[in-house]
PDB file of N, CA and C in Angstrom:
ATOM      1  N   MET A   1      63.380  62.774 -17.858  1.00  0.00           N
ATOM      2  CA  MET A   1      63.838  61.465 -17.420  1.00  0.00           C
ATOM      3  C   MET A   1      63.834  60.524 -18.614  1.00  0.00           C
ATOM      4  N   LYS A   2      64.906  59.751 -18.710  1.00  0.00           N
ATOM      5  CA  LYS A   2      64.999  58.747 -19.772  1.00  0.00           C
ATOM      6  C   LYS A   2      65.240  57.394 -19.132  1.00  0.00           C
ATOM      7  N   GLU A   3      64.610  56.375 -19.705  1.00  0.00           N
ATOM      8  CA  GLU A   3      64.753  55.011 -19.205  1.00  0.00           C
ATOM      9  C   GLU A   3      65.515  54.172 -20.216  1.00  0.00           C
ATOM     10  N   PHE A   4      66.351  53.291 -19.693  1.00  0.00           N
ATOM     11  CA  PHE A   4      67.186  52.439 -20.524  1.00  0.00           C
ATOM     12  C   PHE A   4      67.149  51.016 -19.979  1.00  0.00           C
ATOM     13  N   ASP A   5      67.185  50.042 -20.869  1.00  0.00           N
ATOM     14  CA  ASP A   5      67.300  48.633 -20.489  1.00  0.00           C
ATOM     15  C   ASP A   5      68.571  48.069 -21.109  1.00  0.00           C
ATOM     16  N   PHE A   6      69.273  47.277 -20.341  1.00  0.00           N
ATOM     17  CA  PHE A   6      70.548  46.704 -20.767  1.00  0.00           C
ATOM     18  C   PHE A   6      70.530  45.218 -20.443  1.00  0.00           C
ATOM     19  N   ILE A   7      70.969  44.402 -21.376  1.00  0.00           N
ATOM     20  CA  ILE A   7      71.069  42.953 -21.160  1.00  0.00           C
ATOM     21  C   ILE A   7      72.534  42.645 -20.832  1.00  0.00           C
ATOM     22  N   PRO A   8      72.824  42.324 -19.561  1.00  0.00           N
ATOM     23  CA  PRO A   8      74.209  42.047 -19.172  1.00  0.00           C
ATOM     24  C   PRO A   8      74.703  40.715 -19.723  1.00  0.00           C
ATOM     25  N   LYS A   9      76.013  40.602 -19.829  1.00  0.00           N
ATOM     26  CA  LYS A   9      76.639  39.379 -20.333  1.00  0.00           C
ATOM     27  C   LYS A   9      77.664  38.887 -19.325  1.00  0.00           C
ATOM     28  N   GLY A  10      77.684  37.560 -19.100  1.00  0.00           N
ATOM     29  CA  GLY A  10      78.695  36.955 -18.247  1.00  0.00           C
ATOM     30  C   GLY A  10      78.422  37.028 -16.758  1.00  0.00           C
ATOM     31  N   VAL A  11      77.194  37.408 -16.380  1.00  0.00           N
ATOM     32  CA  VAL A  11      76.824  37.516 -14.962  1.00  0.00           C
ATOM     33  C   VAL A  11      75.467  36.856 -14.728  1.00  0.00           C
ATOM     34  N   CYS A  12      75.093  36.755 -13.471  1.00  0.00           N
ATOM     35  CA  CYS A  12      73.820  36.112 -13.114  1.00  0.00           C
ATOM     36  C   CYS A  12      72.599  36.979 -13.426  1.00  0.00           C
ATOM     37  N   SER A  13      72.739  38.295 -13.321  1.00  0.00           N
ATOM     38  CA  SER A  13      71.580  39.149 -13.600  1.00  0.00           C
ATOM     39  C   SER A  13      71.242  39.078 -15.084  1.00  0.00           C
ATOM     40  N   ARG A  14      69.942  39.211 -15.377  1.00  0.00           N
ATOM     41  CA  ARG A  14      69.462  39.054 -16.753  1.00  0.00           C
ATOM     42  C   ARG A  14      69.092  40.383 -17.411  1.00  0.00           C
ATOM     43  N   ARG A  15      68.934  41.428 -16.610  1.00  0.00           N
ATOM     44  CA  ARG A  15      68.519  42.725 -17.155  1.00  0.00           C
ATOM     45  C   ARG A  15      68.874  43.801 -16.148  1.00  0.00           C
ATOM     46  N   ILE A  16      69.239  44.982 -16.658  1.00  0.00           N
ATOM     47  CA  ILE A  16      69.457  46.154 -15.811  1.00  0.00           C
ATOM     48  C   ILE A  16      68.598  47.276 -16.380  1.00  0.00           C
ATOM     49  N   HIS A  17      67.727  47.811 -15.549  1.00  0.00           N
ATOM     50  CA  HIS A  17      66.859  48.928 -15.943  1.00  0.00           C
ATOM     51  C   HIS A  17      67.392  50.180 -15.252  1.00  0.00           C
ATOM     52  N   ILE A  18      67.609  51.230 -16.039  1.00  0.00           N
ATOM     53  CA  ILE A  18      68.195  52.473 -15.526  1.00  0.00           C
ATOM     54  C   ILE A  18      67.286  53.640 -15.860  1.00  0.00           C
ATOM     55  N   VAL A  19      67.122  54.548 -14.904  1.00  0.00           N
ATOM     56  CA  VAL A  19      66.424  55.805 -15.142  1.00  0.00           C
ATOM     57  C   VAL A  19      67.426  56.927 -14.872  1.00  0.00           C
ATOM     58  N   LEU A  20      67.627  57.788 -15.888  1.00  0.00           N
ATOM     59  CA  LEU A  20      68.525  58.928 -15.761  1.00  0.00           C
ATOM     60  C   LEU A  20      67.747  60.217 -15.900  1.00  0.00           C
ATOM     61  N   CYS A  21      68.158  61.206 -15.134  1.00  0.00           N
ATOM     62  CA  CYS A  21      67.669  62.577 -15.288  1.00  0.00           C
ATOM     63  C   CYS A  21      68.903  63.387 -15.658  1.00  0.00           C
ATOM     64  N   GLY A  22      69.034  63.725 -16.933  1.00  0.00           N
ATOM     65  CA  GLY A  22      70.300  64.269 -17.414  1.00  0.00           C
ATOM     66  C   GLY A  22      71.337  63.171 -17.280  1.00  0.00           C
ATOM     67  N   SER A  23      72.424  63.459 -16.586  1.00  0.00           N
ATOM     68  CA  SER A  23      73.438  62.426 -16.365  1.00  0.00           C
ATOM     69  C   SER A  23      73.391  61.882 -14.942  1.00  0.00           C
ATOM     70  N   THR A  24      72.325  62.193 -14.211  1.00  0.00           N
ATOM     71  CA  THR A  24      72.182  61.730 -12.829  1.00  0.00           C
ATOM     72  C   THR A  24      71.367  60.443 -12.786  1.00  0.00           C
ATOM     73  N   VAL A  25      71.899  59.443 -12.084  1.00  0.00           N
ATOM     74  CA  VAL A  25      71.218  58.158 -11.932  1.00  0.00           C
ATOM     75  C   VAL A  25      70.070  58.350 -10.931  1.00  0.00           C
ATOM     76  N   LYS A  26      68.862  58.094 -11.367  1.00  0.00           N
ATOM     77  CA  LYS A  26      67.701  58.227 -10.488  1.00  0.00           C
ATOM     78  C   LYS A  26      67.222  56.876  -9.984  1.00  0.00           C
ATOM     79  N   GLU A  27      67.416  55.831 -10.789  1.00  0.00           N
ATOM     80  CA  GLU A  27      66.953  54.503 -10.374  1.00  0.00           C
ATOM     81  C   GLU A  27      67.719  53.440 -11.152  1.00  0.00           C
ATOM     82  N   VAL A  28      68.029  52.338 -10.466  1.00  0.00           N
ATOM     83  CA  VAL A  28      68.616  51.158 -11.096  1.00  0.00           C
ATOM     84  C   VAL A  28      67.884  49.950 -10.539  1.00  0.00           C
ATOM     85  N   ARG A  29      67.429  49.066 -11.434  1.00  0.00           N
ATOM     86  CA  ARG A  29      66.799  47.812 -11.018  1.00  0.00           C
ATOM     87  C   ARG A  29      67.434  46.666 -11.786  1.00  0.00           C
ATOM     88  N   PHE A  30      67.920  45.689 -11.045  1.00  0.00           N
ATOM     89  CA  PHE A  30      68.469  44.478 -11.644  1.00  0.00           C
ATOM     90  C   PHE A  30      67.386  43.411 -11.644  1.00  0.00           C
ATOM     91  N   THR A  31      67.333  42.620 -12.693  1.00  0.00           N
ATOM     92  CA  THR A  31      66.499  41.427 -12.719  1.00  0.00           C
ATOM     93  C   THR A  31      67.456  40.247 -12.615  1.00  0.00           C
ATOM     94  N   GLY A  32      67.274  39.440 -11.580  1.00  0.00           N
ATOM     95  CA  GLY A  32      68.178  38.328 -11.338  1.00  0.00           C
ATOM     96  C   GLY A  32      69.428  38.796 -10.620  1.00  0.00           C
ATOM     97  N   GLY A  33      70.351  37.885 -10.450  1.00  0.00           N
ATOM     98  CA  GLY A  33      71.577  38.206  -9.736  1.00  0.00           C
ATOM     99  C   GLY A  33      71.414  38.022  -8.238  1.00  0.00           C
ATOM    100  N   CYS A  34      72.441  38.338  -7.502  1.00  0.00           N
ATOM    101  CA  CYS A  34      72.433  38.229  -6.032  1.00  0.00           C
ATOM    102  C   CYS A  34      71.666  39.425  -5.481  1.00  0.00           C
ATOM    103  N   ALA A  35      70.482  39.182  -4.962  1.00  0.00           N
ATOM    104  CA  ALA A  35      69.559  40.262  -4.595  1.00  0.00           C
ATOM    105  C   ALA A  35      70.182  41.298  -3.674  1.00  0.00           C
ATOM    106  N   GLY A  36      70.856  40.866  -2.638  1.00  0.00           N
ATOM    107  CA  GLY A  36      71.441  41.823  -1.698  1.00  0.00           C
ATOM    108  C   GLY A  36      72.496  42.690  -2.354  1.00  0.00           C
ATOM    109  N   ASN A  37      73.359  42.068  -3.147  1.00  0.00           N
ATOM    110  CA  ASN A  37      74.423  42.827  -3.814  1.00  0.00           C
ATOM    111  C   ASN A  37      73.869  43.805  -4.843  1.00  0.00           C
ATOM    112  N   THR A  38      72.950  43.340  -5.668  1.00  0.00           N
ATOM    113  CA  THR A  38      72.428  44.223  -6.712  1.00  0.00           C
ATOM    114  C   THR A  38      71.595  45.357  -6.117  1.00  0.00           C
ATOM    115  N   GLN A  39      70.843  45.071  -5.065  1.00  0.00           N
ATOM    116  CA  GLN A  39      70.078  46.143  -4.407  1.00  0.00           C
ATOM    117  C   GLN A  39      71.026  47.146  -3.759  1.00  0.00           C
ATOM    118  N   GLY A  40      72.116  46.633  -3.178  1.00  0.00           N
ATOM    119  CA  GLY A  40      73.097  47.520  -2.547  1.00  0.00           C
ATOM    120  C   GLY A  40      73.766  48.429  -3.562  1.00  0.00           C
ATOM    121  N   VAL A  41      74.197  47.874  -4.680  1.00  0.00           N
ATOM    122  CA  VAL A  41      74.826  48.675  -5.729  1.00  0.00           C
ATOM    123  C   VAL A  41      73.840  49.710  -6.259  1.00  0.00           C
ATOM    124  N   ALA A  42      72.606  49.296  -6.484  1.00  0.00           N
ATOM    125  CA  ALA A  42      71.579  50.219  -6.984  1.00  0.00           C
ATOM    126  C   ALA A  42      71.362  51.375  -6.012  1.00  0.00           C
ATOM    127  N   ALA A  43      71.331  51.089  -4.718  1.00  0.00           N
ATOM    128  CA  ALA A  43      71.130  52.137  -3.715  1.00  0.00           C
ATOM    129  C   ALA A  43      72.332  53.086  -3.663  1.00  0.00           C
ATOM    130  N   LEU A  44      73.522  52.550  -3.820  1.00  0.00           N
ATOM    131  CA  LEU A  44      74.727  53.381  -3.727  1.00  0.00           C
ATOM    132  C   LEU A  44      74.862  54.357  -4.889  1.00  0.00           C
ATOM    133  N   VAL A  45      74.399  53.984  -6.080  1.00  0.00           N
ATOM    134  CA  VAL A  45      74.558  54.883  -7.227  1.00  0.00           C
ATOM    135  C   VAL A  45      73.387  55.848  -7.390  1.00  0.00           C
ATOM    136  N   LYS A  46      72.329  55.676  -6.613  1.00  0.00           N
ATOM    137  CA  LYS A  46      71.168  56.573  -6.722  1.00  0.00           C
ATOM    138  C   LYS A  46      71.599  58.012  -6.451  1.00  0.00           C
ATOM    139  N   ASP A  47      71.187  58.921  -7.317  1.00  0.00           N
ATOM    140  CA  ASP A  47      71.489  60.353  -7.260  1.00  0.00           C
ATOM    141  C   ASP A  47      72.965  60.672  -7.508  1.00  0.00           C
ATOM    142  N   MET A  48      73.719  59.714  -8.037  1.00  0.00           N
ATOM    143  CA  MET A  48      75.126  59.917  -8.379  1.00  0.00           C
ATOM    144  C   MET A  48      75.224  60.255  -9.865  1.00  0.00           C
ATOM    145  N   ASP A  49      76.196  61.071 -10.224  1.00  0.00           N
ATOM    146  CA  ASP A  49      76.454  61.332 -11.627  1.00  0.00           C
ATOM    147  C   ASP A  49      76.904  60.026 -12.291  1.00  0.00           C
ATOM    148  N   ALA A  50      76.378  59.731 -13.448  1.00  0.00           N
ATOM    149  CA  ALA A  50      76.666  58.464 -14.128  1.00  0.00           C
ATOM    150  C   ALA A  50      78.157  58.286 -14.386  1.00  0.00           C
ATOM    151  N   THR A  51      78.852  59.355 -14.734  1.00  0.00           N
ATOM    152  CA  THR A  51      80.288  59.269 -14.998  1.00  0.00           C
ATOM    153  C   THR A  51      81.050  58.853 -13.743  1.00  0.00           C
ATOM    154  N   GLU A  52      80.660  59.377 -12.602  1.00  0.00           N
ATOM    155  CA  GLU A  52      81.292  58.998 -11.335  1.00  0.00           C
ATOM    156  C   GLU A  52      81.010  57.535 -11.007  1.00  0.00           C
ATOM    157  N   ALA A  53      79.777  57.100 -11.224  1.00  0.00           N
ATOM    158  CA  ALA A  53      79.420  55.698 -10.976  1.00  0.00           C
ATOM    159  C   ALA A  53      80.243  54.778 -11.875  1.00  0.00           C
ATOM    160  N   ILE A  54      80.409  55.152 -13.136  1.00  0.00           N
ATOM    161  CA  ILE A  54      81.208  54.349 -14.063  1.00  0.00           C
ATOM    162  C   ILE A  54      82.635  54.224 -13.547  1.00  0.00           C
ATOM    163  N   LYS A  55      83.230  55.336 -13.121  1.00  0.00           N
ATOM    164  CA  LYS A  55      84.608  55.315 -12.613  1.00  0.00           C
ATOM    165  C   LYS A  55      84.751  54.382 -11.414  1.00  0.00           C
ATOM    166  N   ARG A  56      83.743  54.349 -10.569  1.00  0.00           N
ATOM    167  CA  ARG A  56      83.814  53.531  -9.355  1.00  0.00           C
ATOM    168  C   ARG A  56      83.554  52.043  -9.612  1.00  0.00           C
ATOM    169  N   LEU A  57      82.723  51.723 -10.595  1.00  0.00           N
ATOM    170  CA  LEU A  57      82.274  50.342 -10.803  1.00  0.00           C
ATOM    171  C   LEU A  57      83.012  49.591 -11.905  1.00  0.00           C
ATOM    172  N   GLU A  58      83.532  50.319 -12.862  1.00  0.00           N
ATOM    173  CA  GLU A  58      84.160  49.696 -14.024  1.00  0.00           C
ATOM    174  C   GLU A  58      85.346  48.821 -13.615  1.00  0.00           C
ATOM    175  N   GLY A  59      85.389  47.618 -14.160  1.00  0.00           N
ATOM    176  CA  GLY A  59      86.522  46.727 -13.938  1.00  0.00           C
ATOM    177  C   GLY A  59      86.400  45.805 -12.736  1.00  0.00           C
ATOM    178  N   ILE A  60      85.336  45.943 -11.944  1.00  0.00           N
ATOM    179  CA  ILE A  60      85.140  45.048 -10.805  1.00  0.00           C
ATOM    180  C   ILE A  60      84.833  43.651 -11.335  1.00  0.00           C
ATOM    181  N   LYS A  61      85.461  42.654 -10.747  1.00  0.00           N
ATOM    182  CA  LYS A  61      85.254  41.265 -11.177  1.00  0.00           C
ATOM    183  C   LYS A  61      84.518  40.485 -10.099  1.00  0.00           C
ATOM    184  N   CYS A  62      83.826  39.446 -10.514  1.00  0.00           N
ATOM    185  CA  CYS A  62      83.111  38.558  -9.601  1.00  0.00           C
ATOM    186  C   CYS A  62      83.831  37.210  -9.611  1.00  0.00           C
ATOM    187  N   GLY A  63      84.564  36.935  -8.548  1.00  0.00           N
ATOM    188  CA  GLY A  63      85.312  35.684  -8.490  1.00  0.00           C
ATOM    189  C   GLY A  63      86.280  35.579  -9.643  1.00  0.00           C
ATOM    190  N   PHE A  64      86.193  34.474 -10.383  1.00  0.00           N
ATOM    191  CA  PHE A  64      87.088  34.251 -11.512  1.00  0.00           C
ATOM    192  C   PHE A  64      86.520  34.771 -12.827  1.00  0.00           C
ATOM    193  N   LYS A  65      85.331  35.382 -12.789  1.00  0.00           N
ATOM    194  CA  LYS A  65      84.729  35.936 -14.004  1.00  0.00           C
ATOM    195  C   LYS A  65      85.475  37.216 -14.391  1.00  0.00           C
ATOM    196  N   SER A  66      85.419  37.558 -15.653  1.00  0.00           N
ATOM    197  CA  SER A  66      86.088  38.772 -16.124  1.00  0.00           C
ATOM    198  C   SER A  66      85.237  40.020 -15.933  1.00  0.00           C
ATOM    199  N   THR A  67      84.033  39.849 -15.398  1.00  0.00           N
ATOM    200  CA  THR A  67      83.108  40.962 -15.187  1.00  0.00           C
ATOM    201  C   THR A  67      82.302  40.707 -13.915  1.00  0.00           C
ATOM    202  N   SER A  68      81.356  41.580 -13.619  1.00  0.00           N
ATOM    203  CA  SER A  68      80.488  41.456 -12.445  1.00  0.00           C
ATOM    204  C   SER A  68      79.231  42.274 -12.705  1.00  0.00           C
ATOM    205  N   CYS A  69      78.253  42.174 -11.833  1.00  0.00           N
ATOM    206  CA  CYS A  69      77.055  43.010 -11.987  1.00  0.00           C
ATOM    207  C   CYS A  69      77.410  44.499 -11.885  1.00  0.00           C
ATOM    208  N   PRO A  70      78.281  44.920 -10.943  1.00  0.00           N
ATOM    209  CA  PRO A  70      78.657  46.335 -10.930  1.00  0.00           C
ATOM    210  C   PRO A  70      79.369  46.762 -12.227  1.00  0.00           C
ATOM    211  N   ASP A  71      80.253  45.920 -12.760  1.00  0.00           N
ATOM    212  CA  ASP A  71      80.942  46.234 -14.009  1.00  0.00           C
ATOM    213  C   ASP A  71      79.943  46.317 -15.162  1.00  0.00           C
ATOM    214  N   GLN A  72      78.965  45.421 -15.191  1.00  0.00           N
ATOM    215  CA  GLN A  72      77.938  45.462 -16.231  1.00  0.00           C
ATOM    216  C   GLN A  72      77.084  46.720 -16.097  1.00  0.00           C
ATOM    217  N   LEU A  73      76.831  47.163 -14.859  1.00  0.00           N
ATOM    218  CA  LEU A  73      76.105  48.422 -14.658  1.00  0.00           C
ATOM    219  C   LEU A  73      76.922  49.575 -15.224  1.00  0.00           C
ATOM    220  N   ALA A  74      78.230  49.570 -15.008  1.00  0.00           N
ATOM    221  CA  ALA A  74      79.087  50.617 -15.580  1.00  0.00           C
ATOM    222  C   ALA A  74      78.964  50.627 -17.100  1.00  0.00           C
ATOM    223  N   ARG A  75      78.971  49.451 -17.715  1.00  0.00           N
ATOM    224  CA  ARG A  75      78.836  49.364 -19.172  1.00  0.00           C
ATOM    225  C   ARG A  75      77.473  49.887 -19.623  1.00  0.00           C
ATOM    226  N   ALA A  76      76.427  49.527 -18.861  1.00  0.00           N
ATOM    227  CA  ALA A  76      75.073  49.995 -19.186  1.00  0.00           C
ATOM    228  C   ALA A  76      74.990  51.515 -19.086  1.00  0.00           C
ATOM    229  N   LEU A  77      75.577  52.073 -18.032  1.00  0.00           N
ATOM    230  CA  LEU A  77      75.559  53.533 -17.857  1.00  0.00           C
ATOM    231  C   LEU A  77      76.336  54.224 -18.976  1.00  0.00           C
ATOM    232  N   ARG A  78      77.449  53.640 -19.378  1.00  0.00           N
ATOM    233  CA  ARG A  78      78.242  54.219 -20.474  1.00  0.00           C
ATOM    234  C   ARG A  78      77.394  54.294 -21.753  1.00  0.00           C
ATOM    235  N   GLU A  79      76.674  53.215 -22.056  1.00  0.00           N
ATOM    236  CA  GLU A  79      75.792  53.203 -23.235  1.00  0.00           C
ATOM    237  C   GLU A  79      74.673  54.217 -23.083  1.00  0.00           C
ATOM    238  N   ALA A  80      74.092  54.284 -21.887  1.00  0.00           N
ATOM    239  CA  ALA A  80      72.956  55.182 -21.645  1.00  0.00           C
ATOM    240  C   ALA A  80      73.354  56.646 -21.811  1.00  0.00           C
ATOM    241  N   ILE A  81      74.496  57.037 -21.269  1.00  0.00           N
ATOM    242  CA  ILE A  81      74.863  58.456 -21.360  1.00  0.00           C
ATOM    243  C   ILE A  81      75.273  58.838 -22.782  1.00  0.00           C
ATOM    244  N   GLN A  82      75.638  57.867 -23.599  1.00  0.00           N
ATOM    245  CA  GLN A  82      75.922  58.165 -25.005  1.00  0.00           C
ATOM    246  C   GLN A  82      74.642  58.484 -25.766  1.00  0.00           C
ATOM    247  N   GLU A  83      73.516  57.982 -25.244  1.00  0.00           N
ATOM    248  CA  GLU A  83      72.226  58.202 -25.914  1.00  0.00           C
ATOM    249  C   GLU A  83      71.549  59.496 -25.499  1.00  0.00           C
ATOM    250  N   ILE A  84      72.013  60.117 -24.407  1.00  0.00           N
ATOM    251  CA  ILE A  84      71.337  61.341 -23.964  1.00  0.00           C
ATOM    252  C   ILE A  84      71.934  62.581 -24.592  1.00  0.00           C
TER     253      ILE A  84
END
């Protein structure tokens, strides 16, 4: 298991903590952000292959912002799988 921390940009959440086992997402914790949404996204990607999660989350926008917490999670996962 490897743990990664990511500092998101352009969103309300301040940190994303990820635990991967190989390329499988085992845990995601957001610090800050909309609690219900971030907990929901974290629950949905649990036990999912990181590449699949990236495909599903990448490019999602929050209102008029160019990014979102799910999009930032995709970016974090992309960085994390490059390190494994």
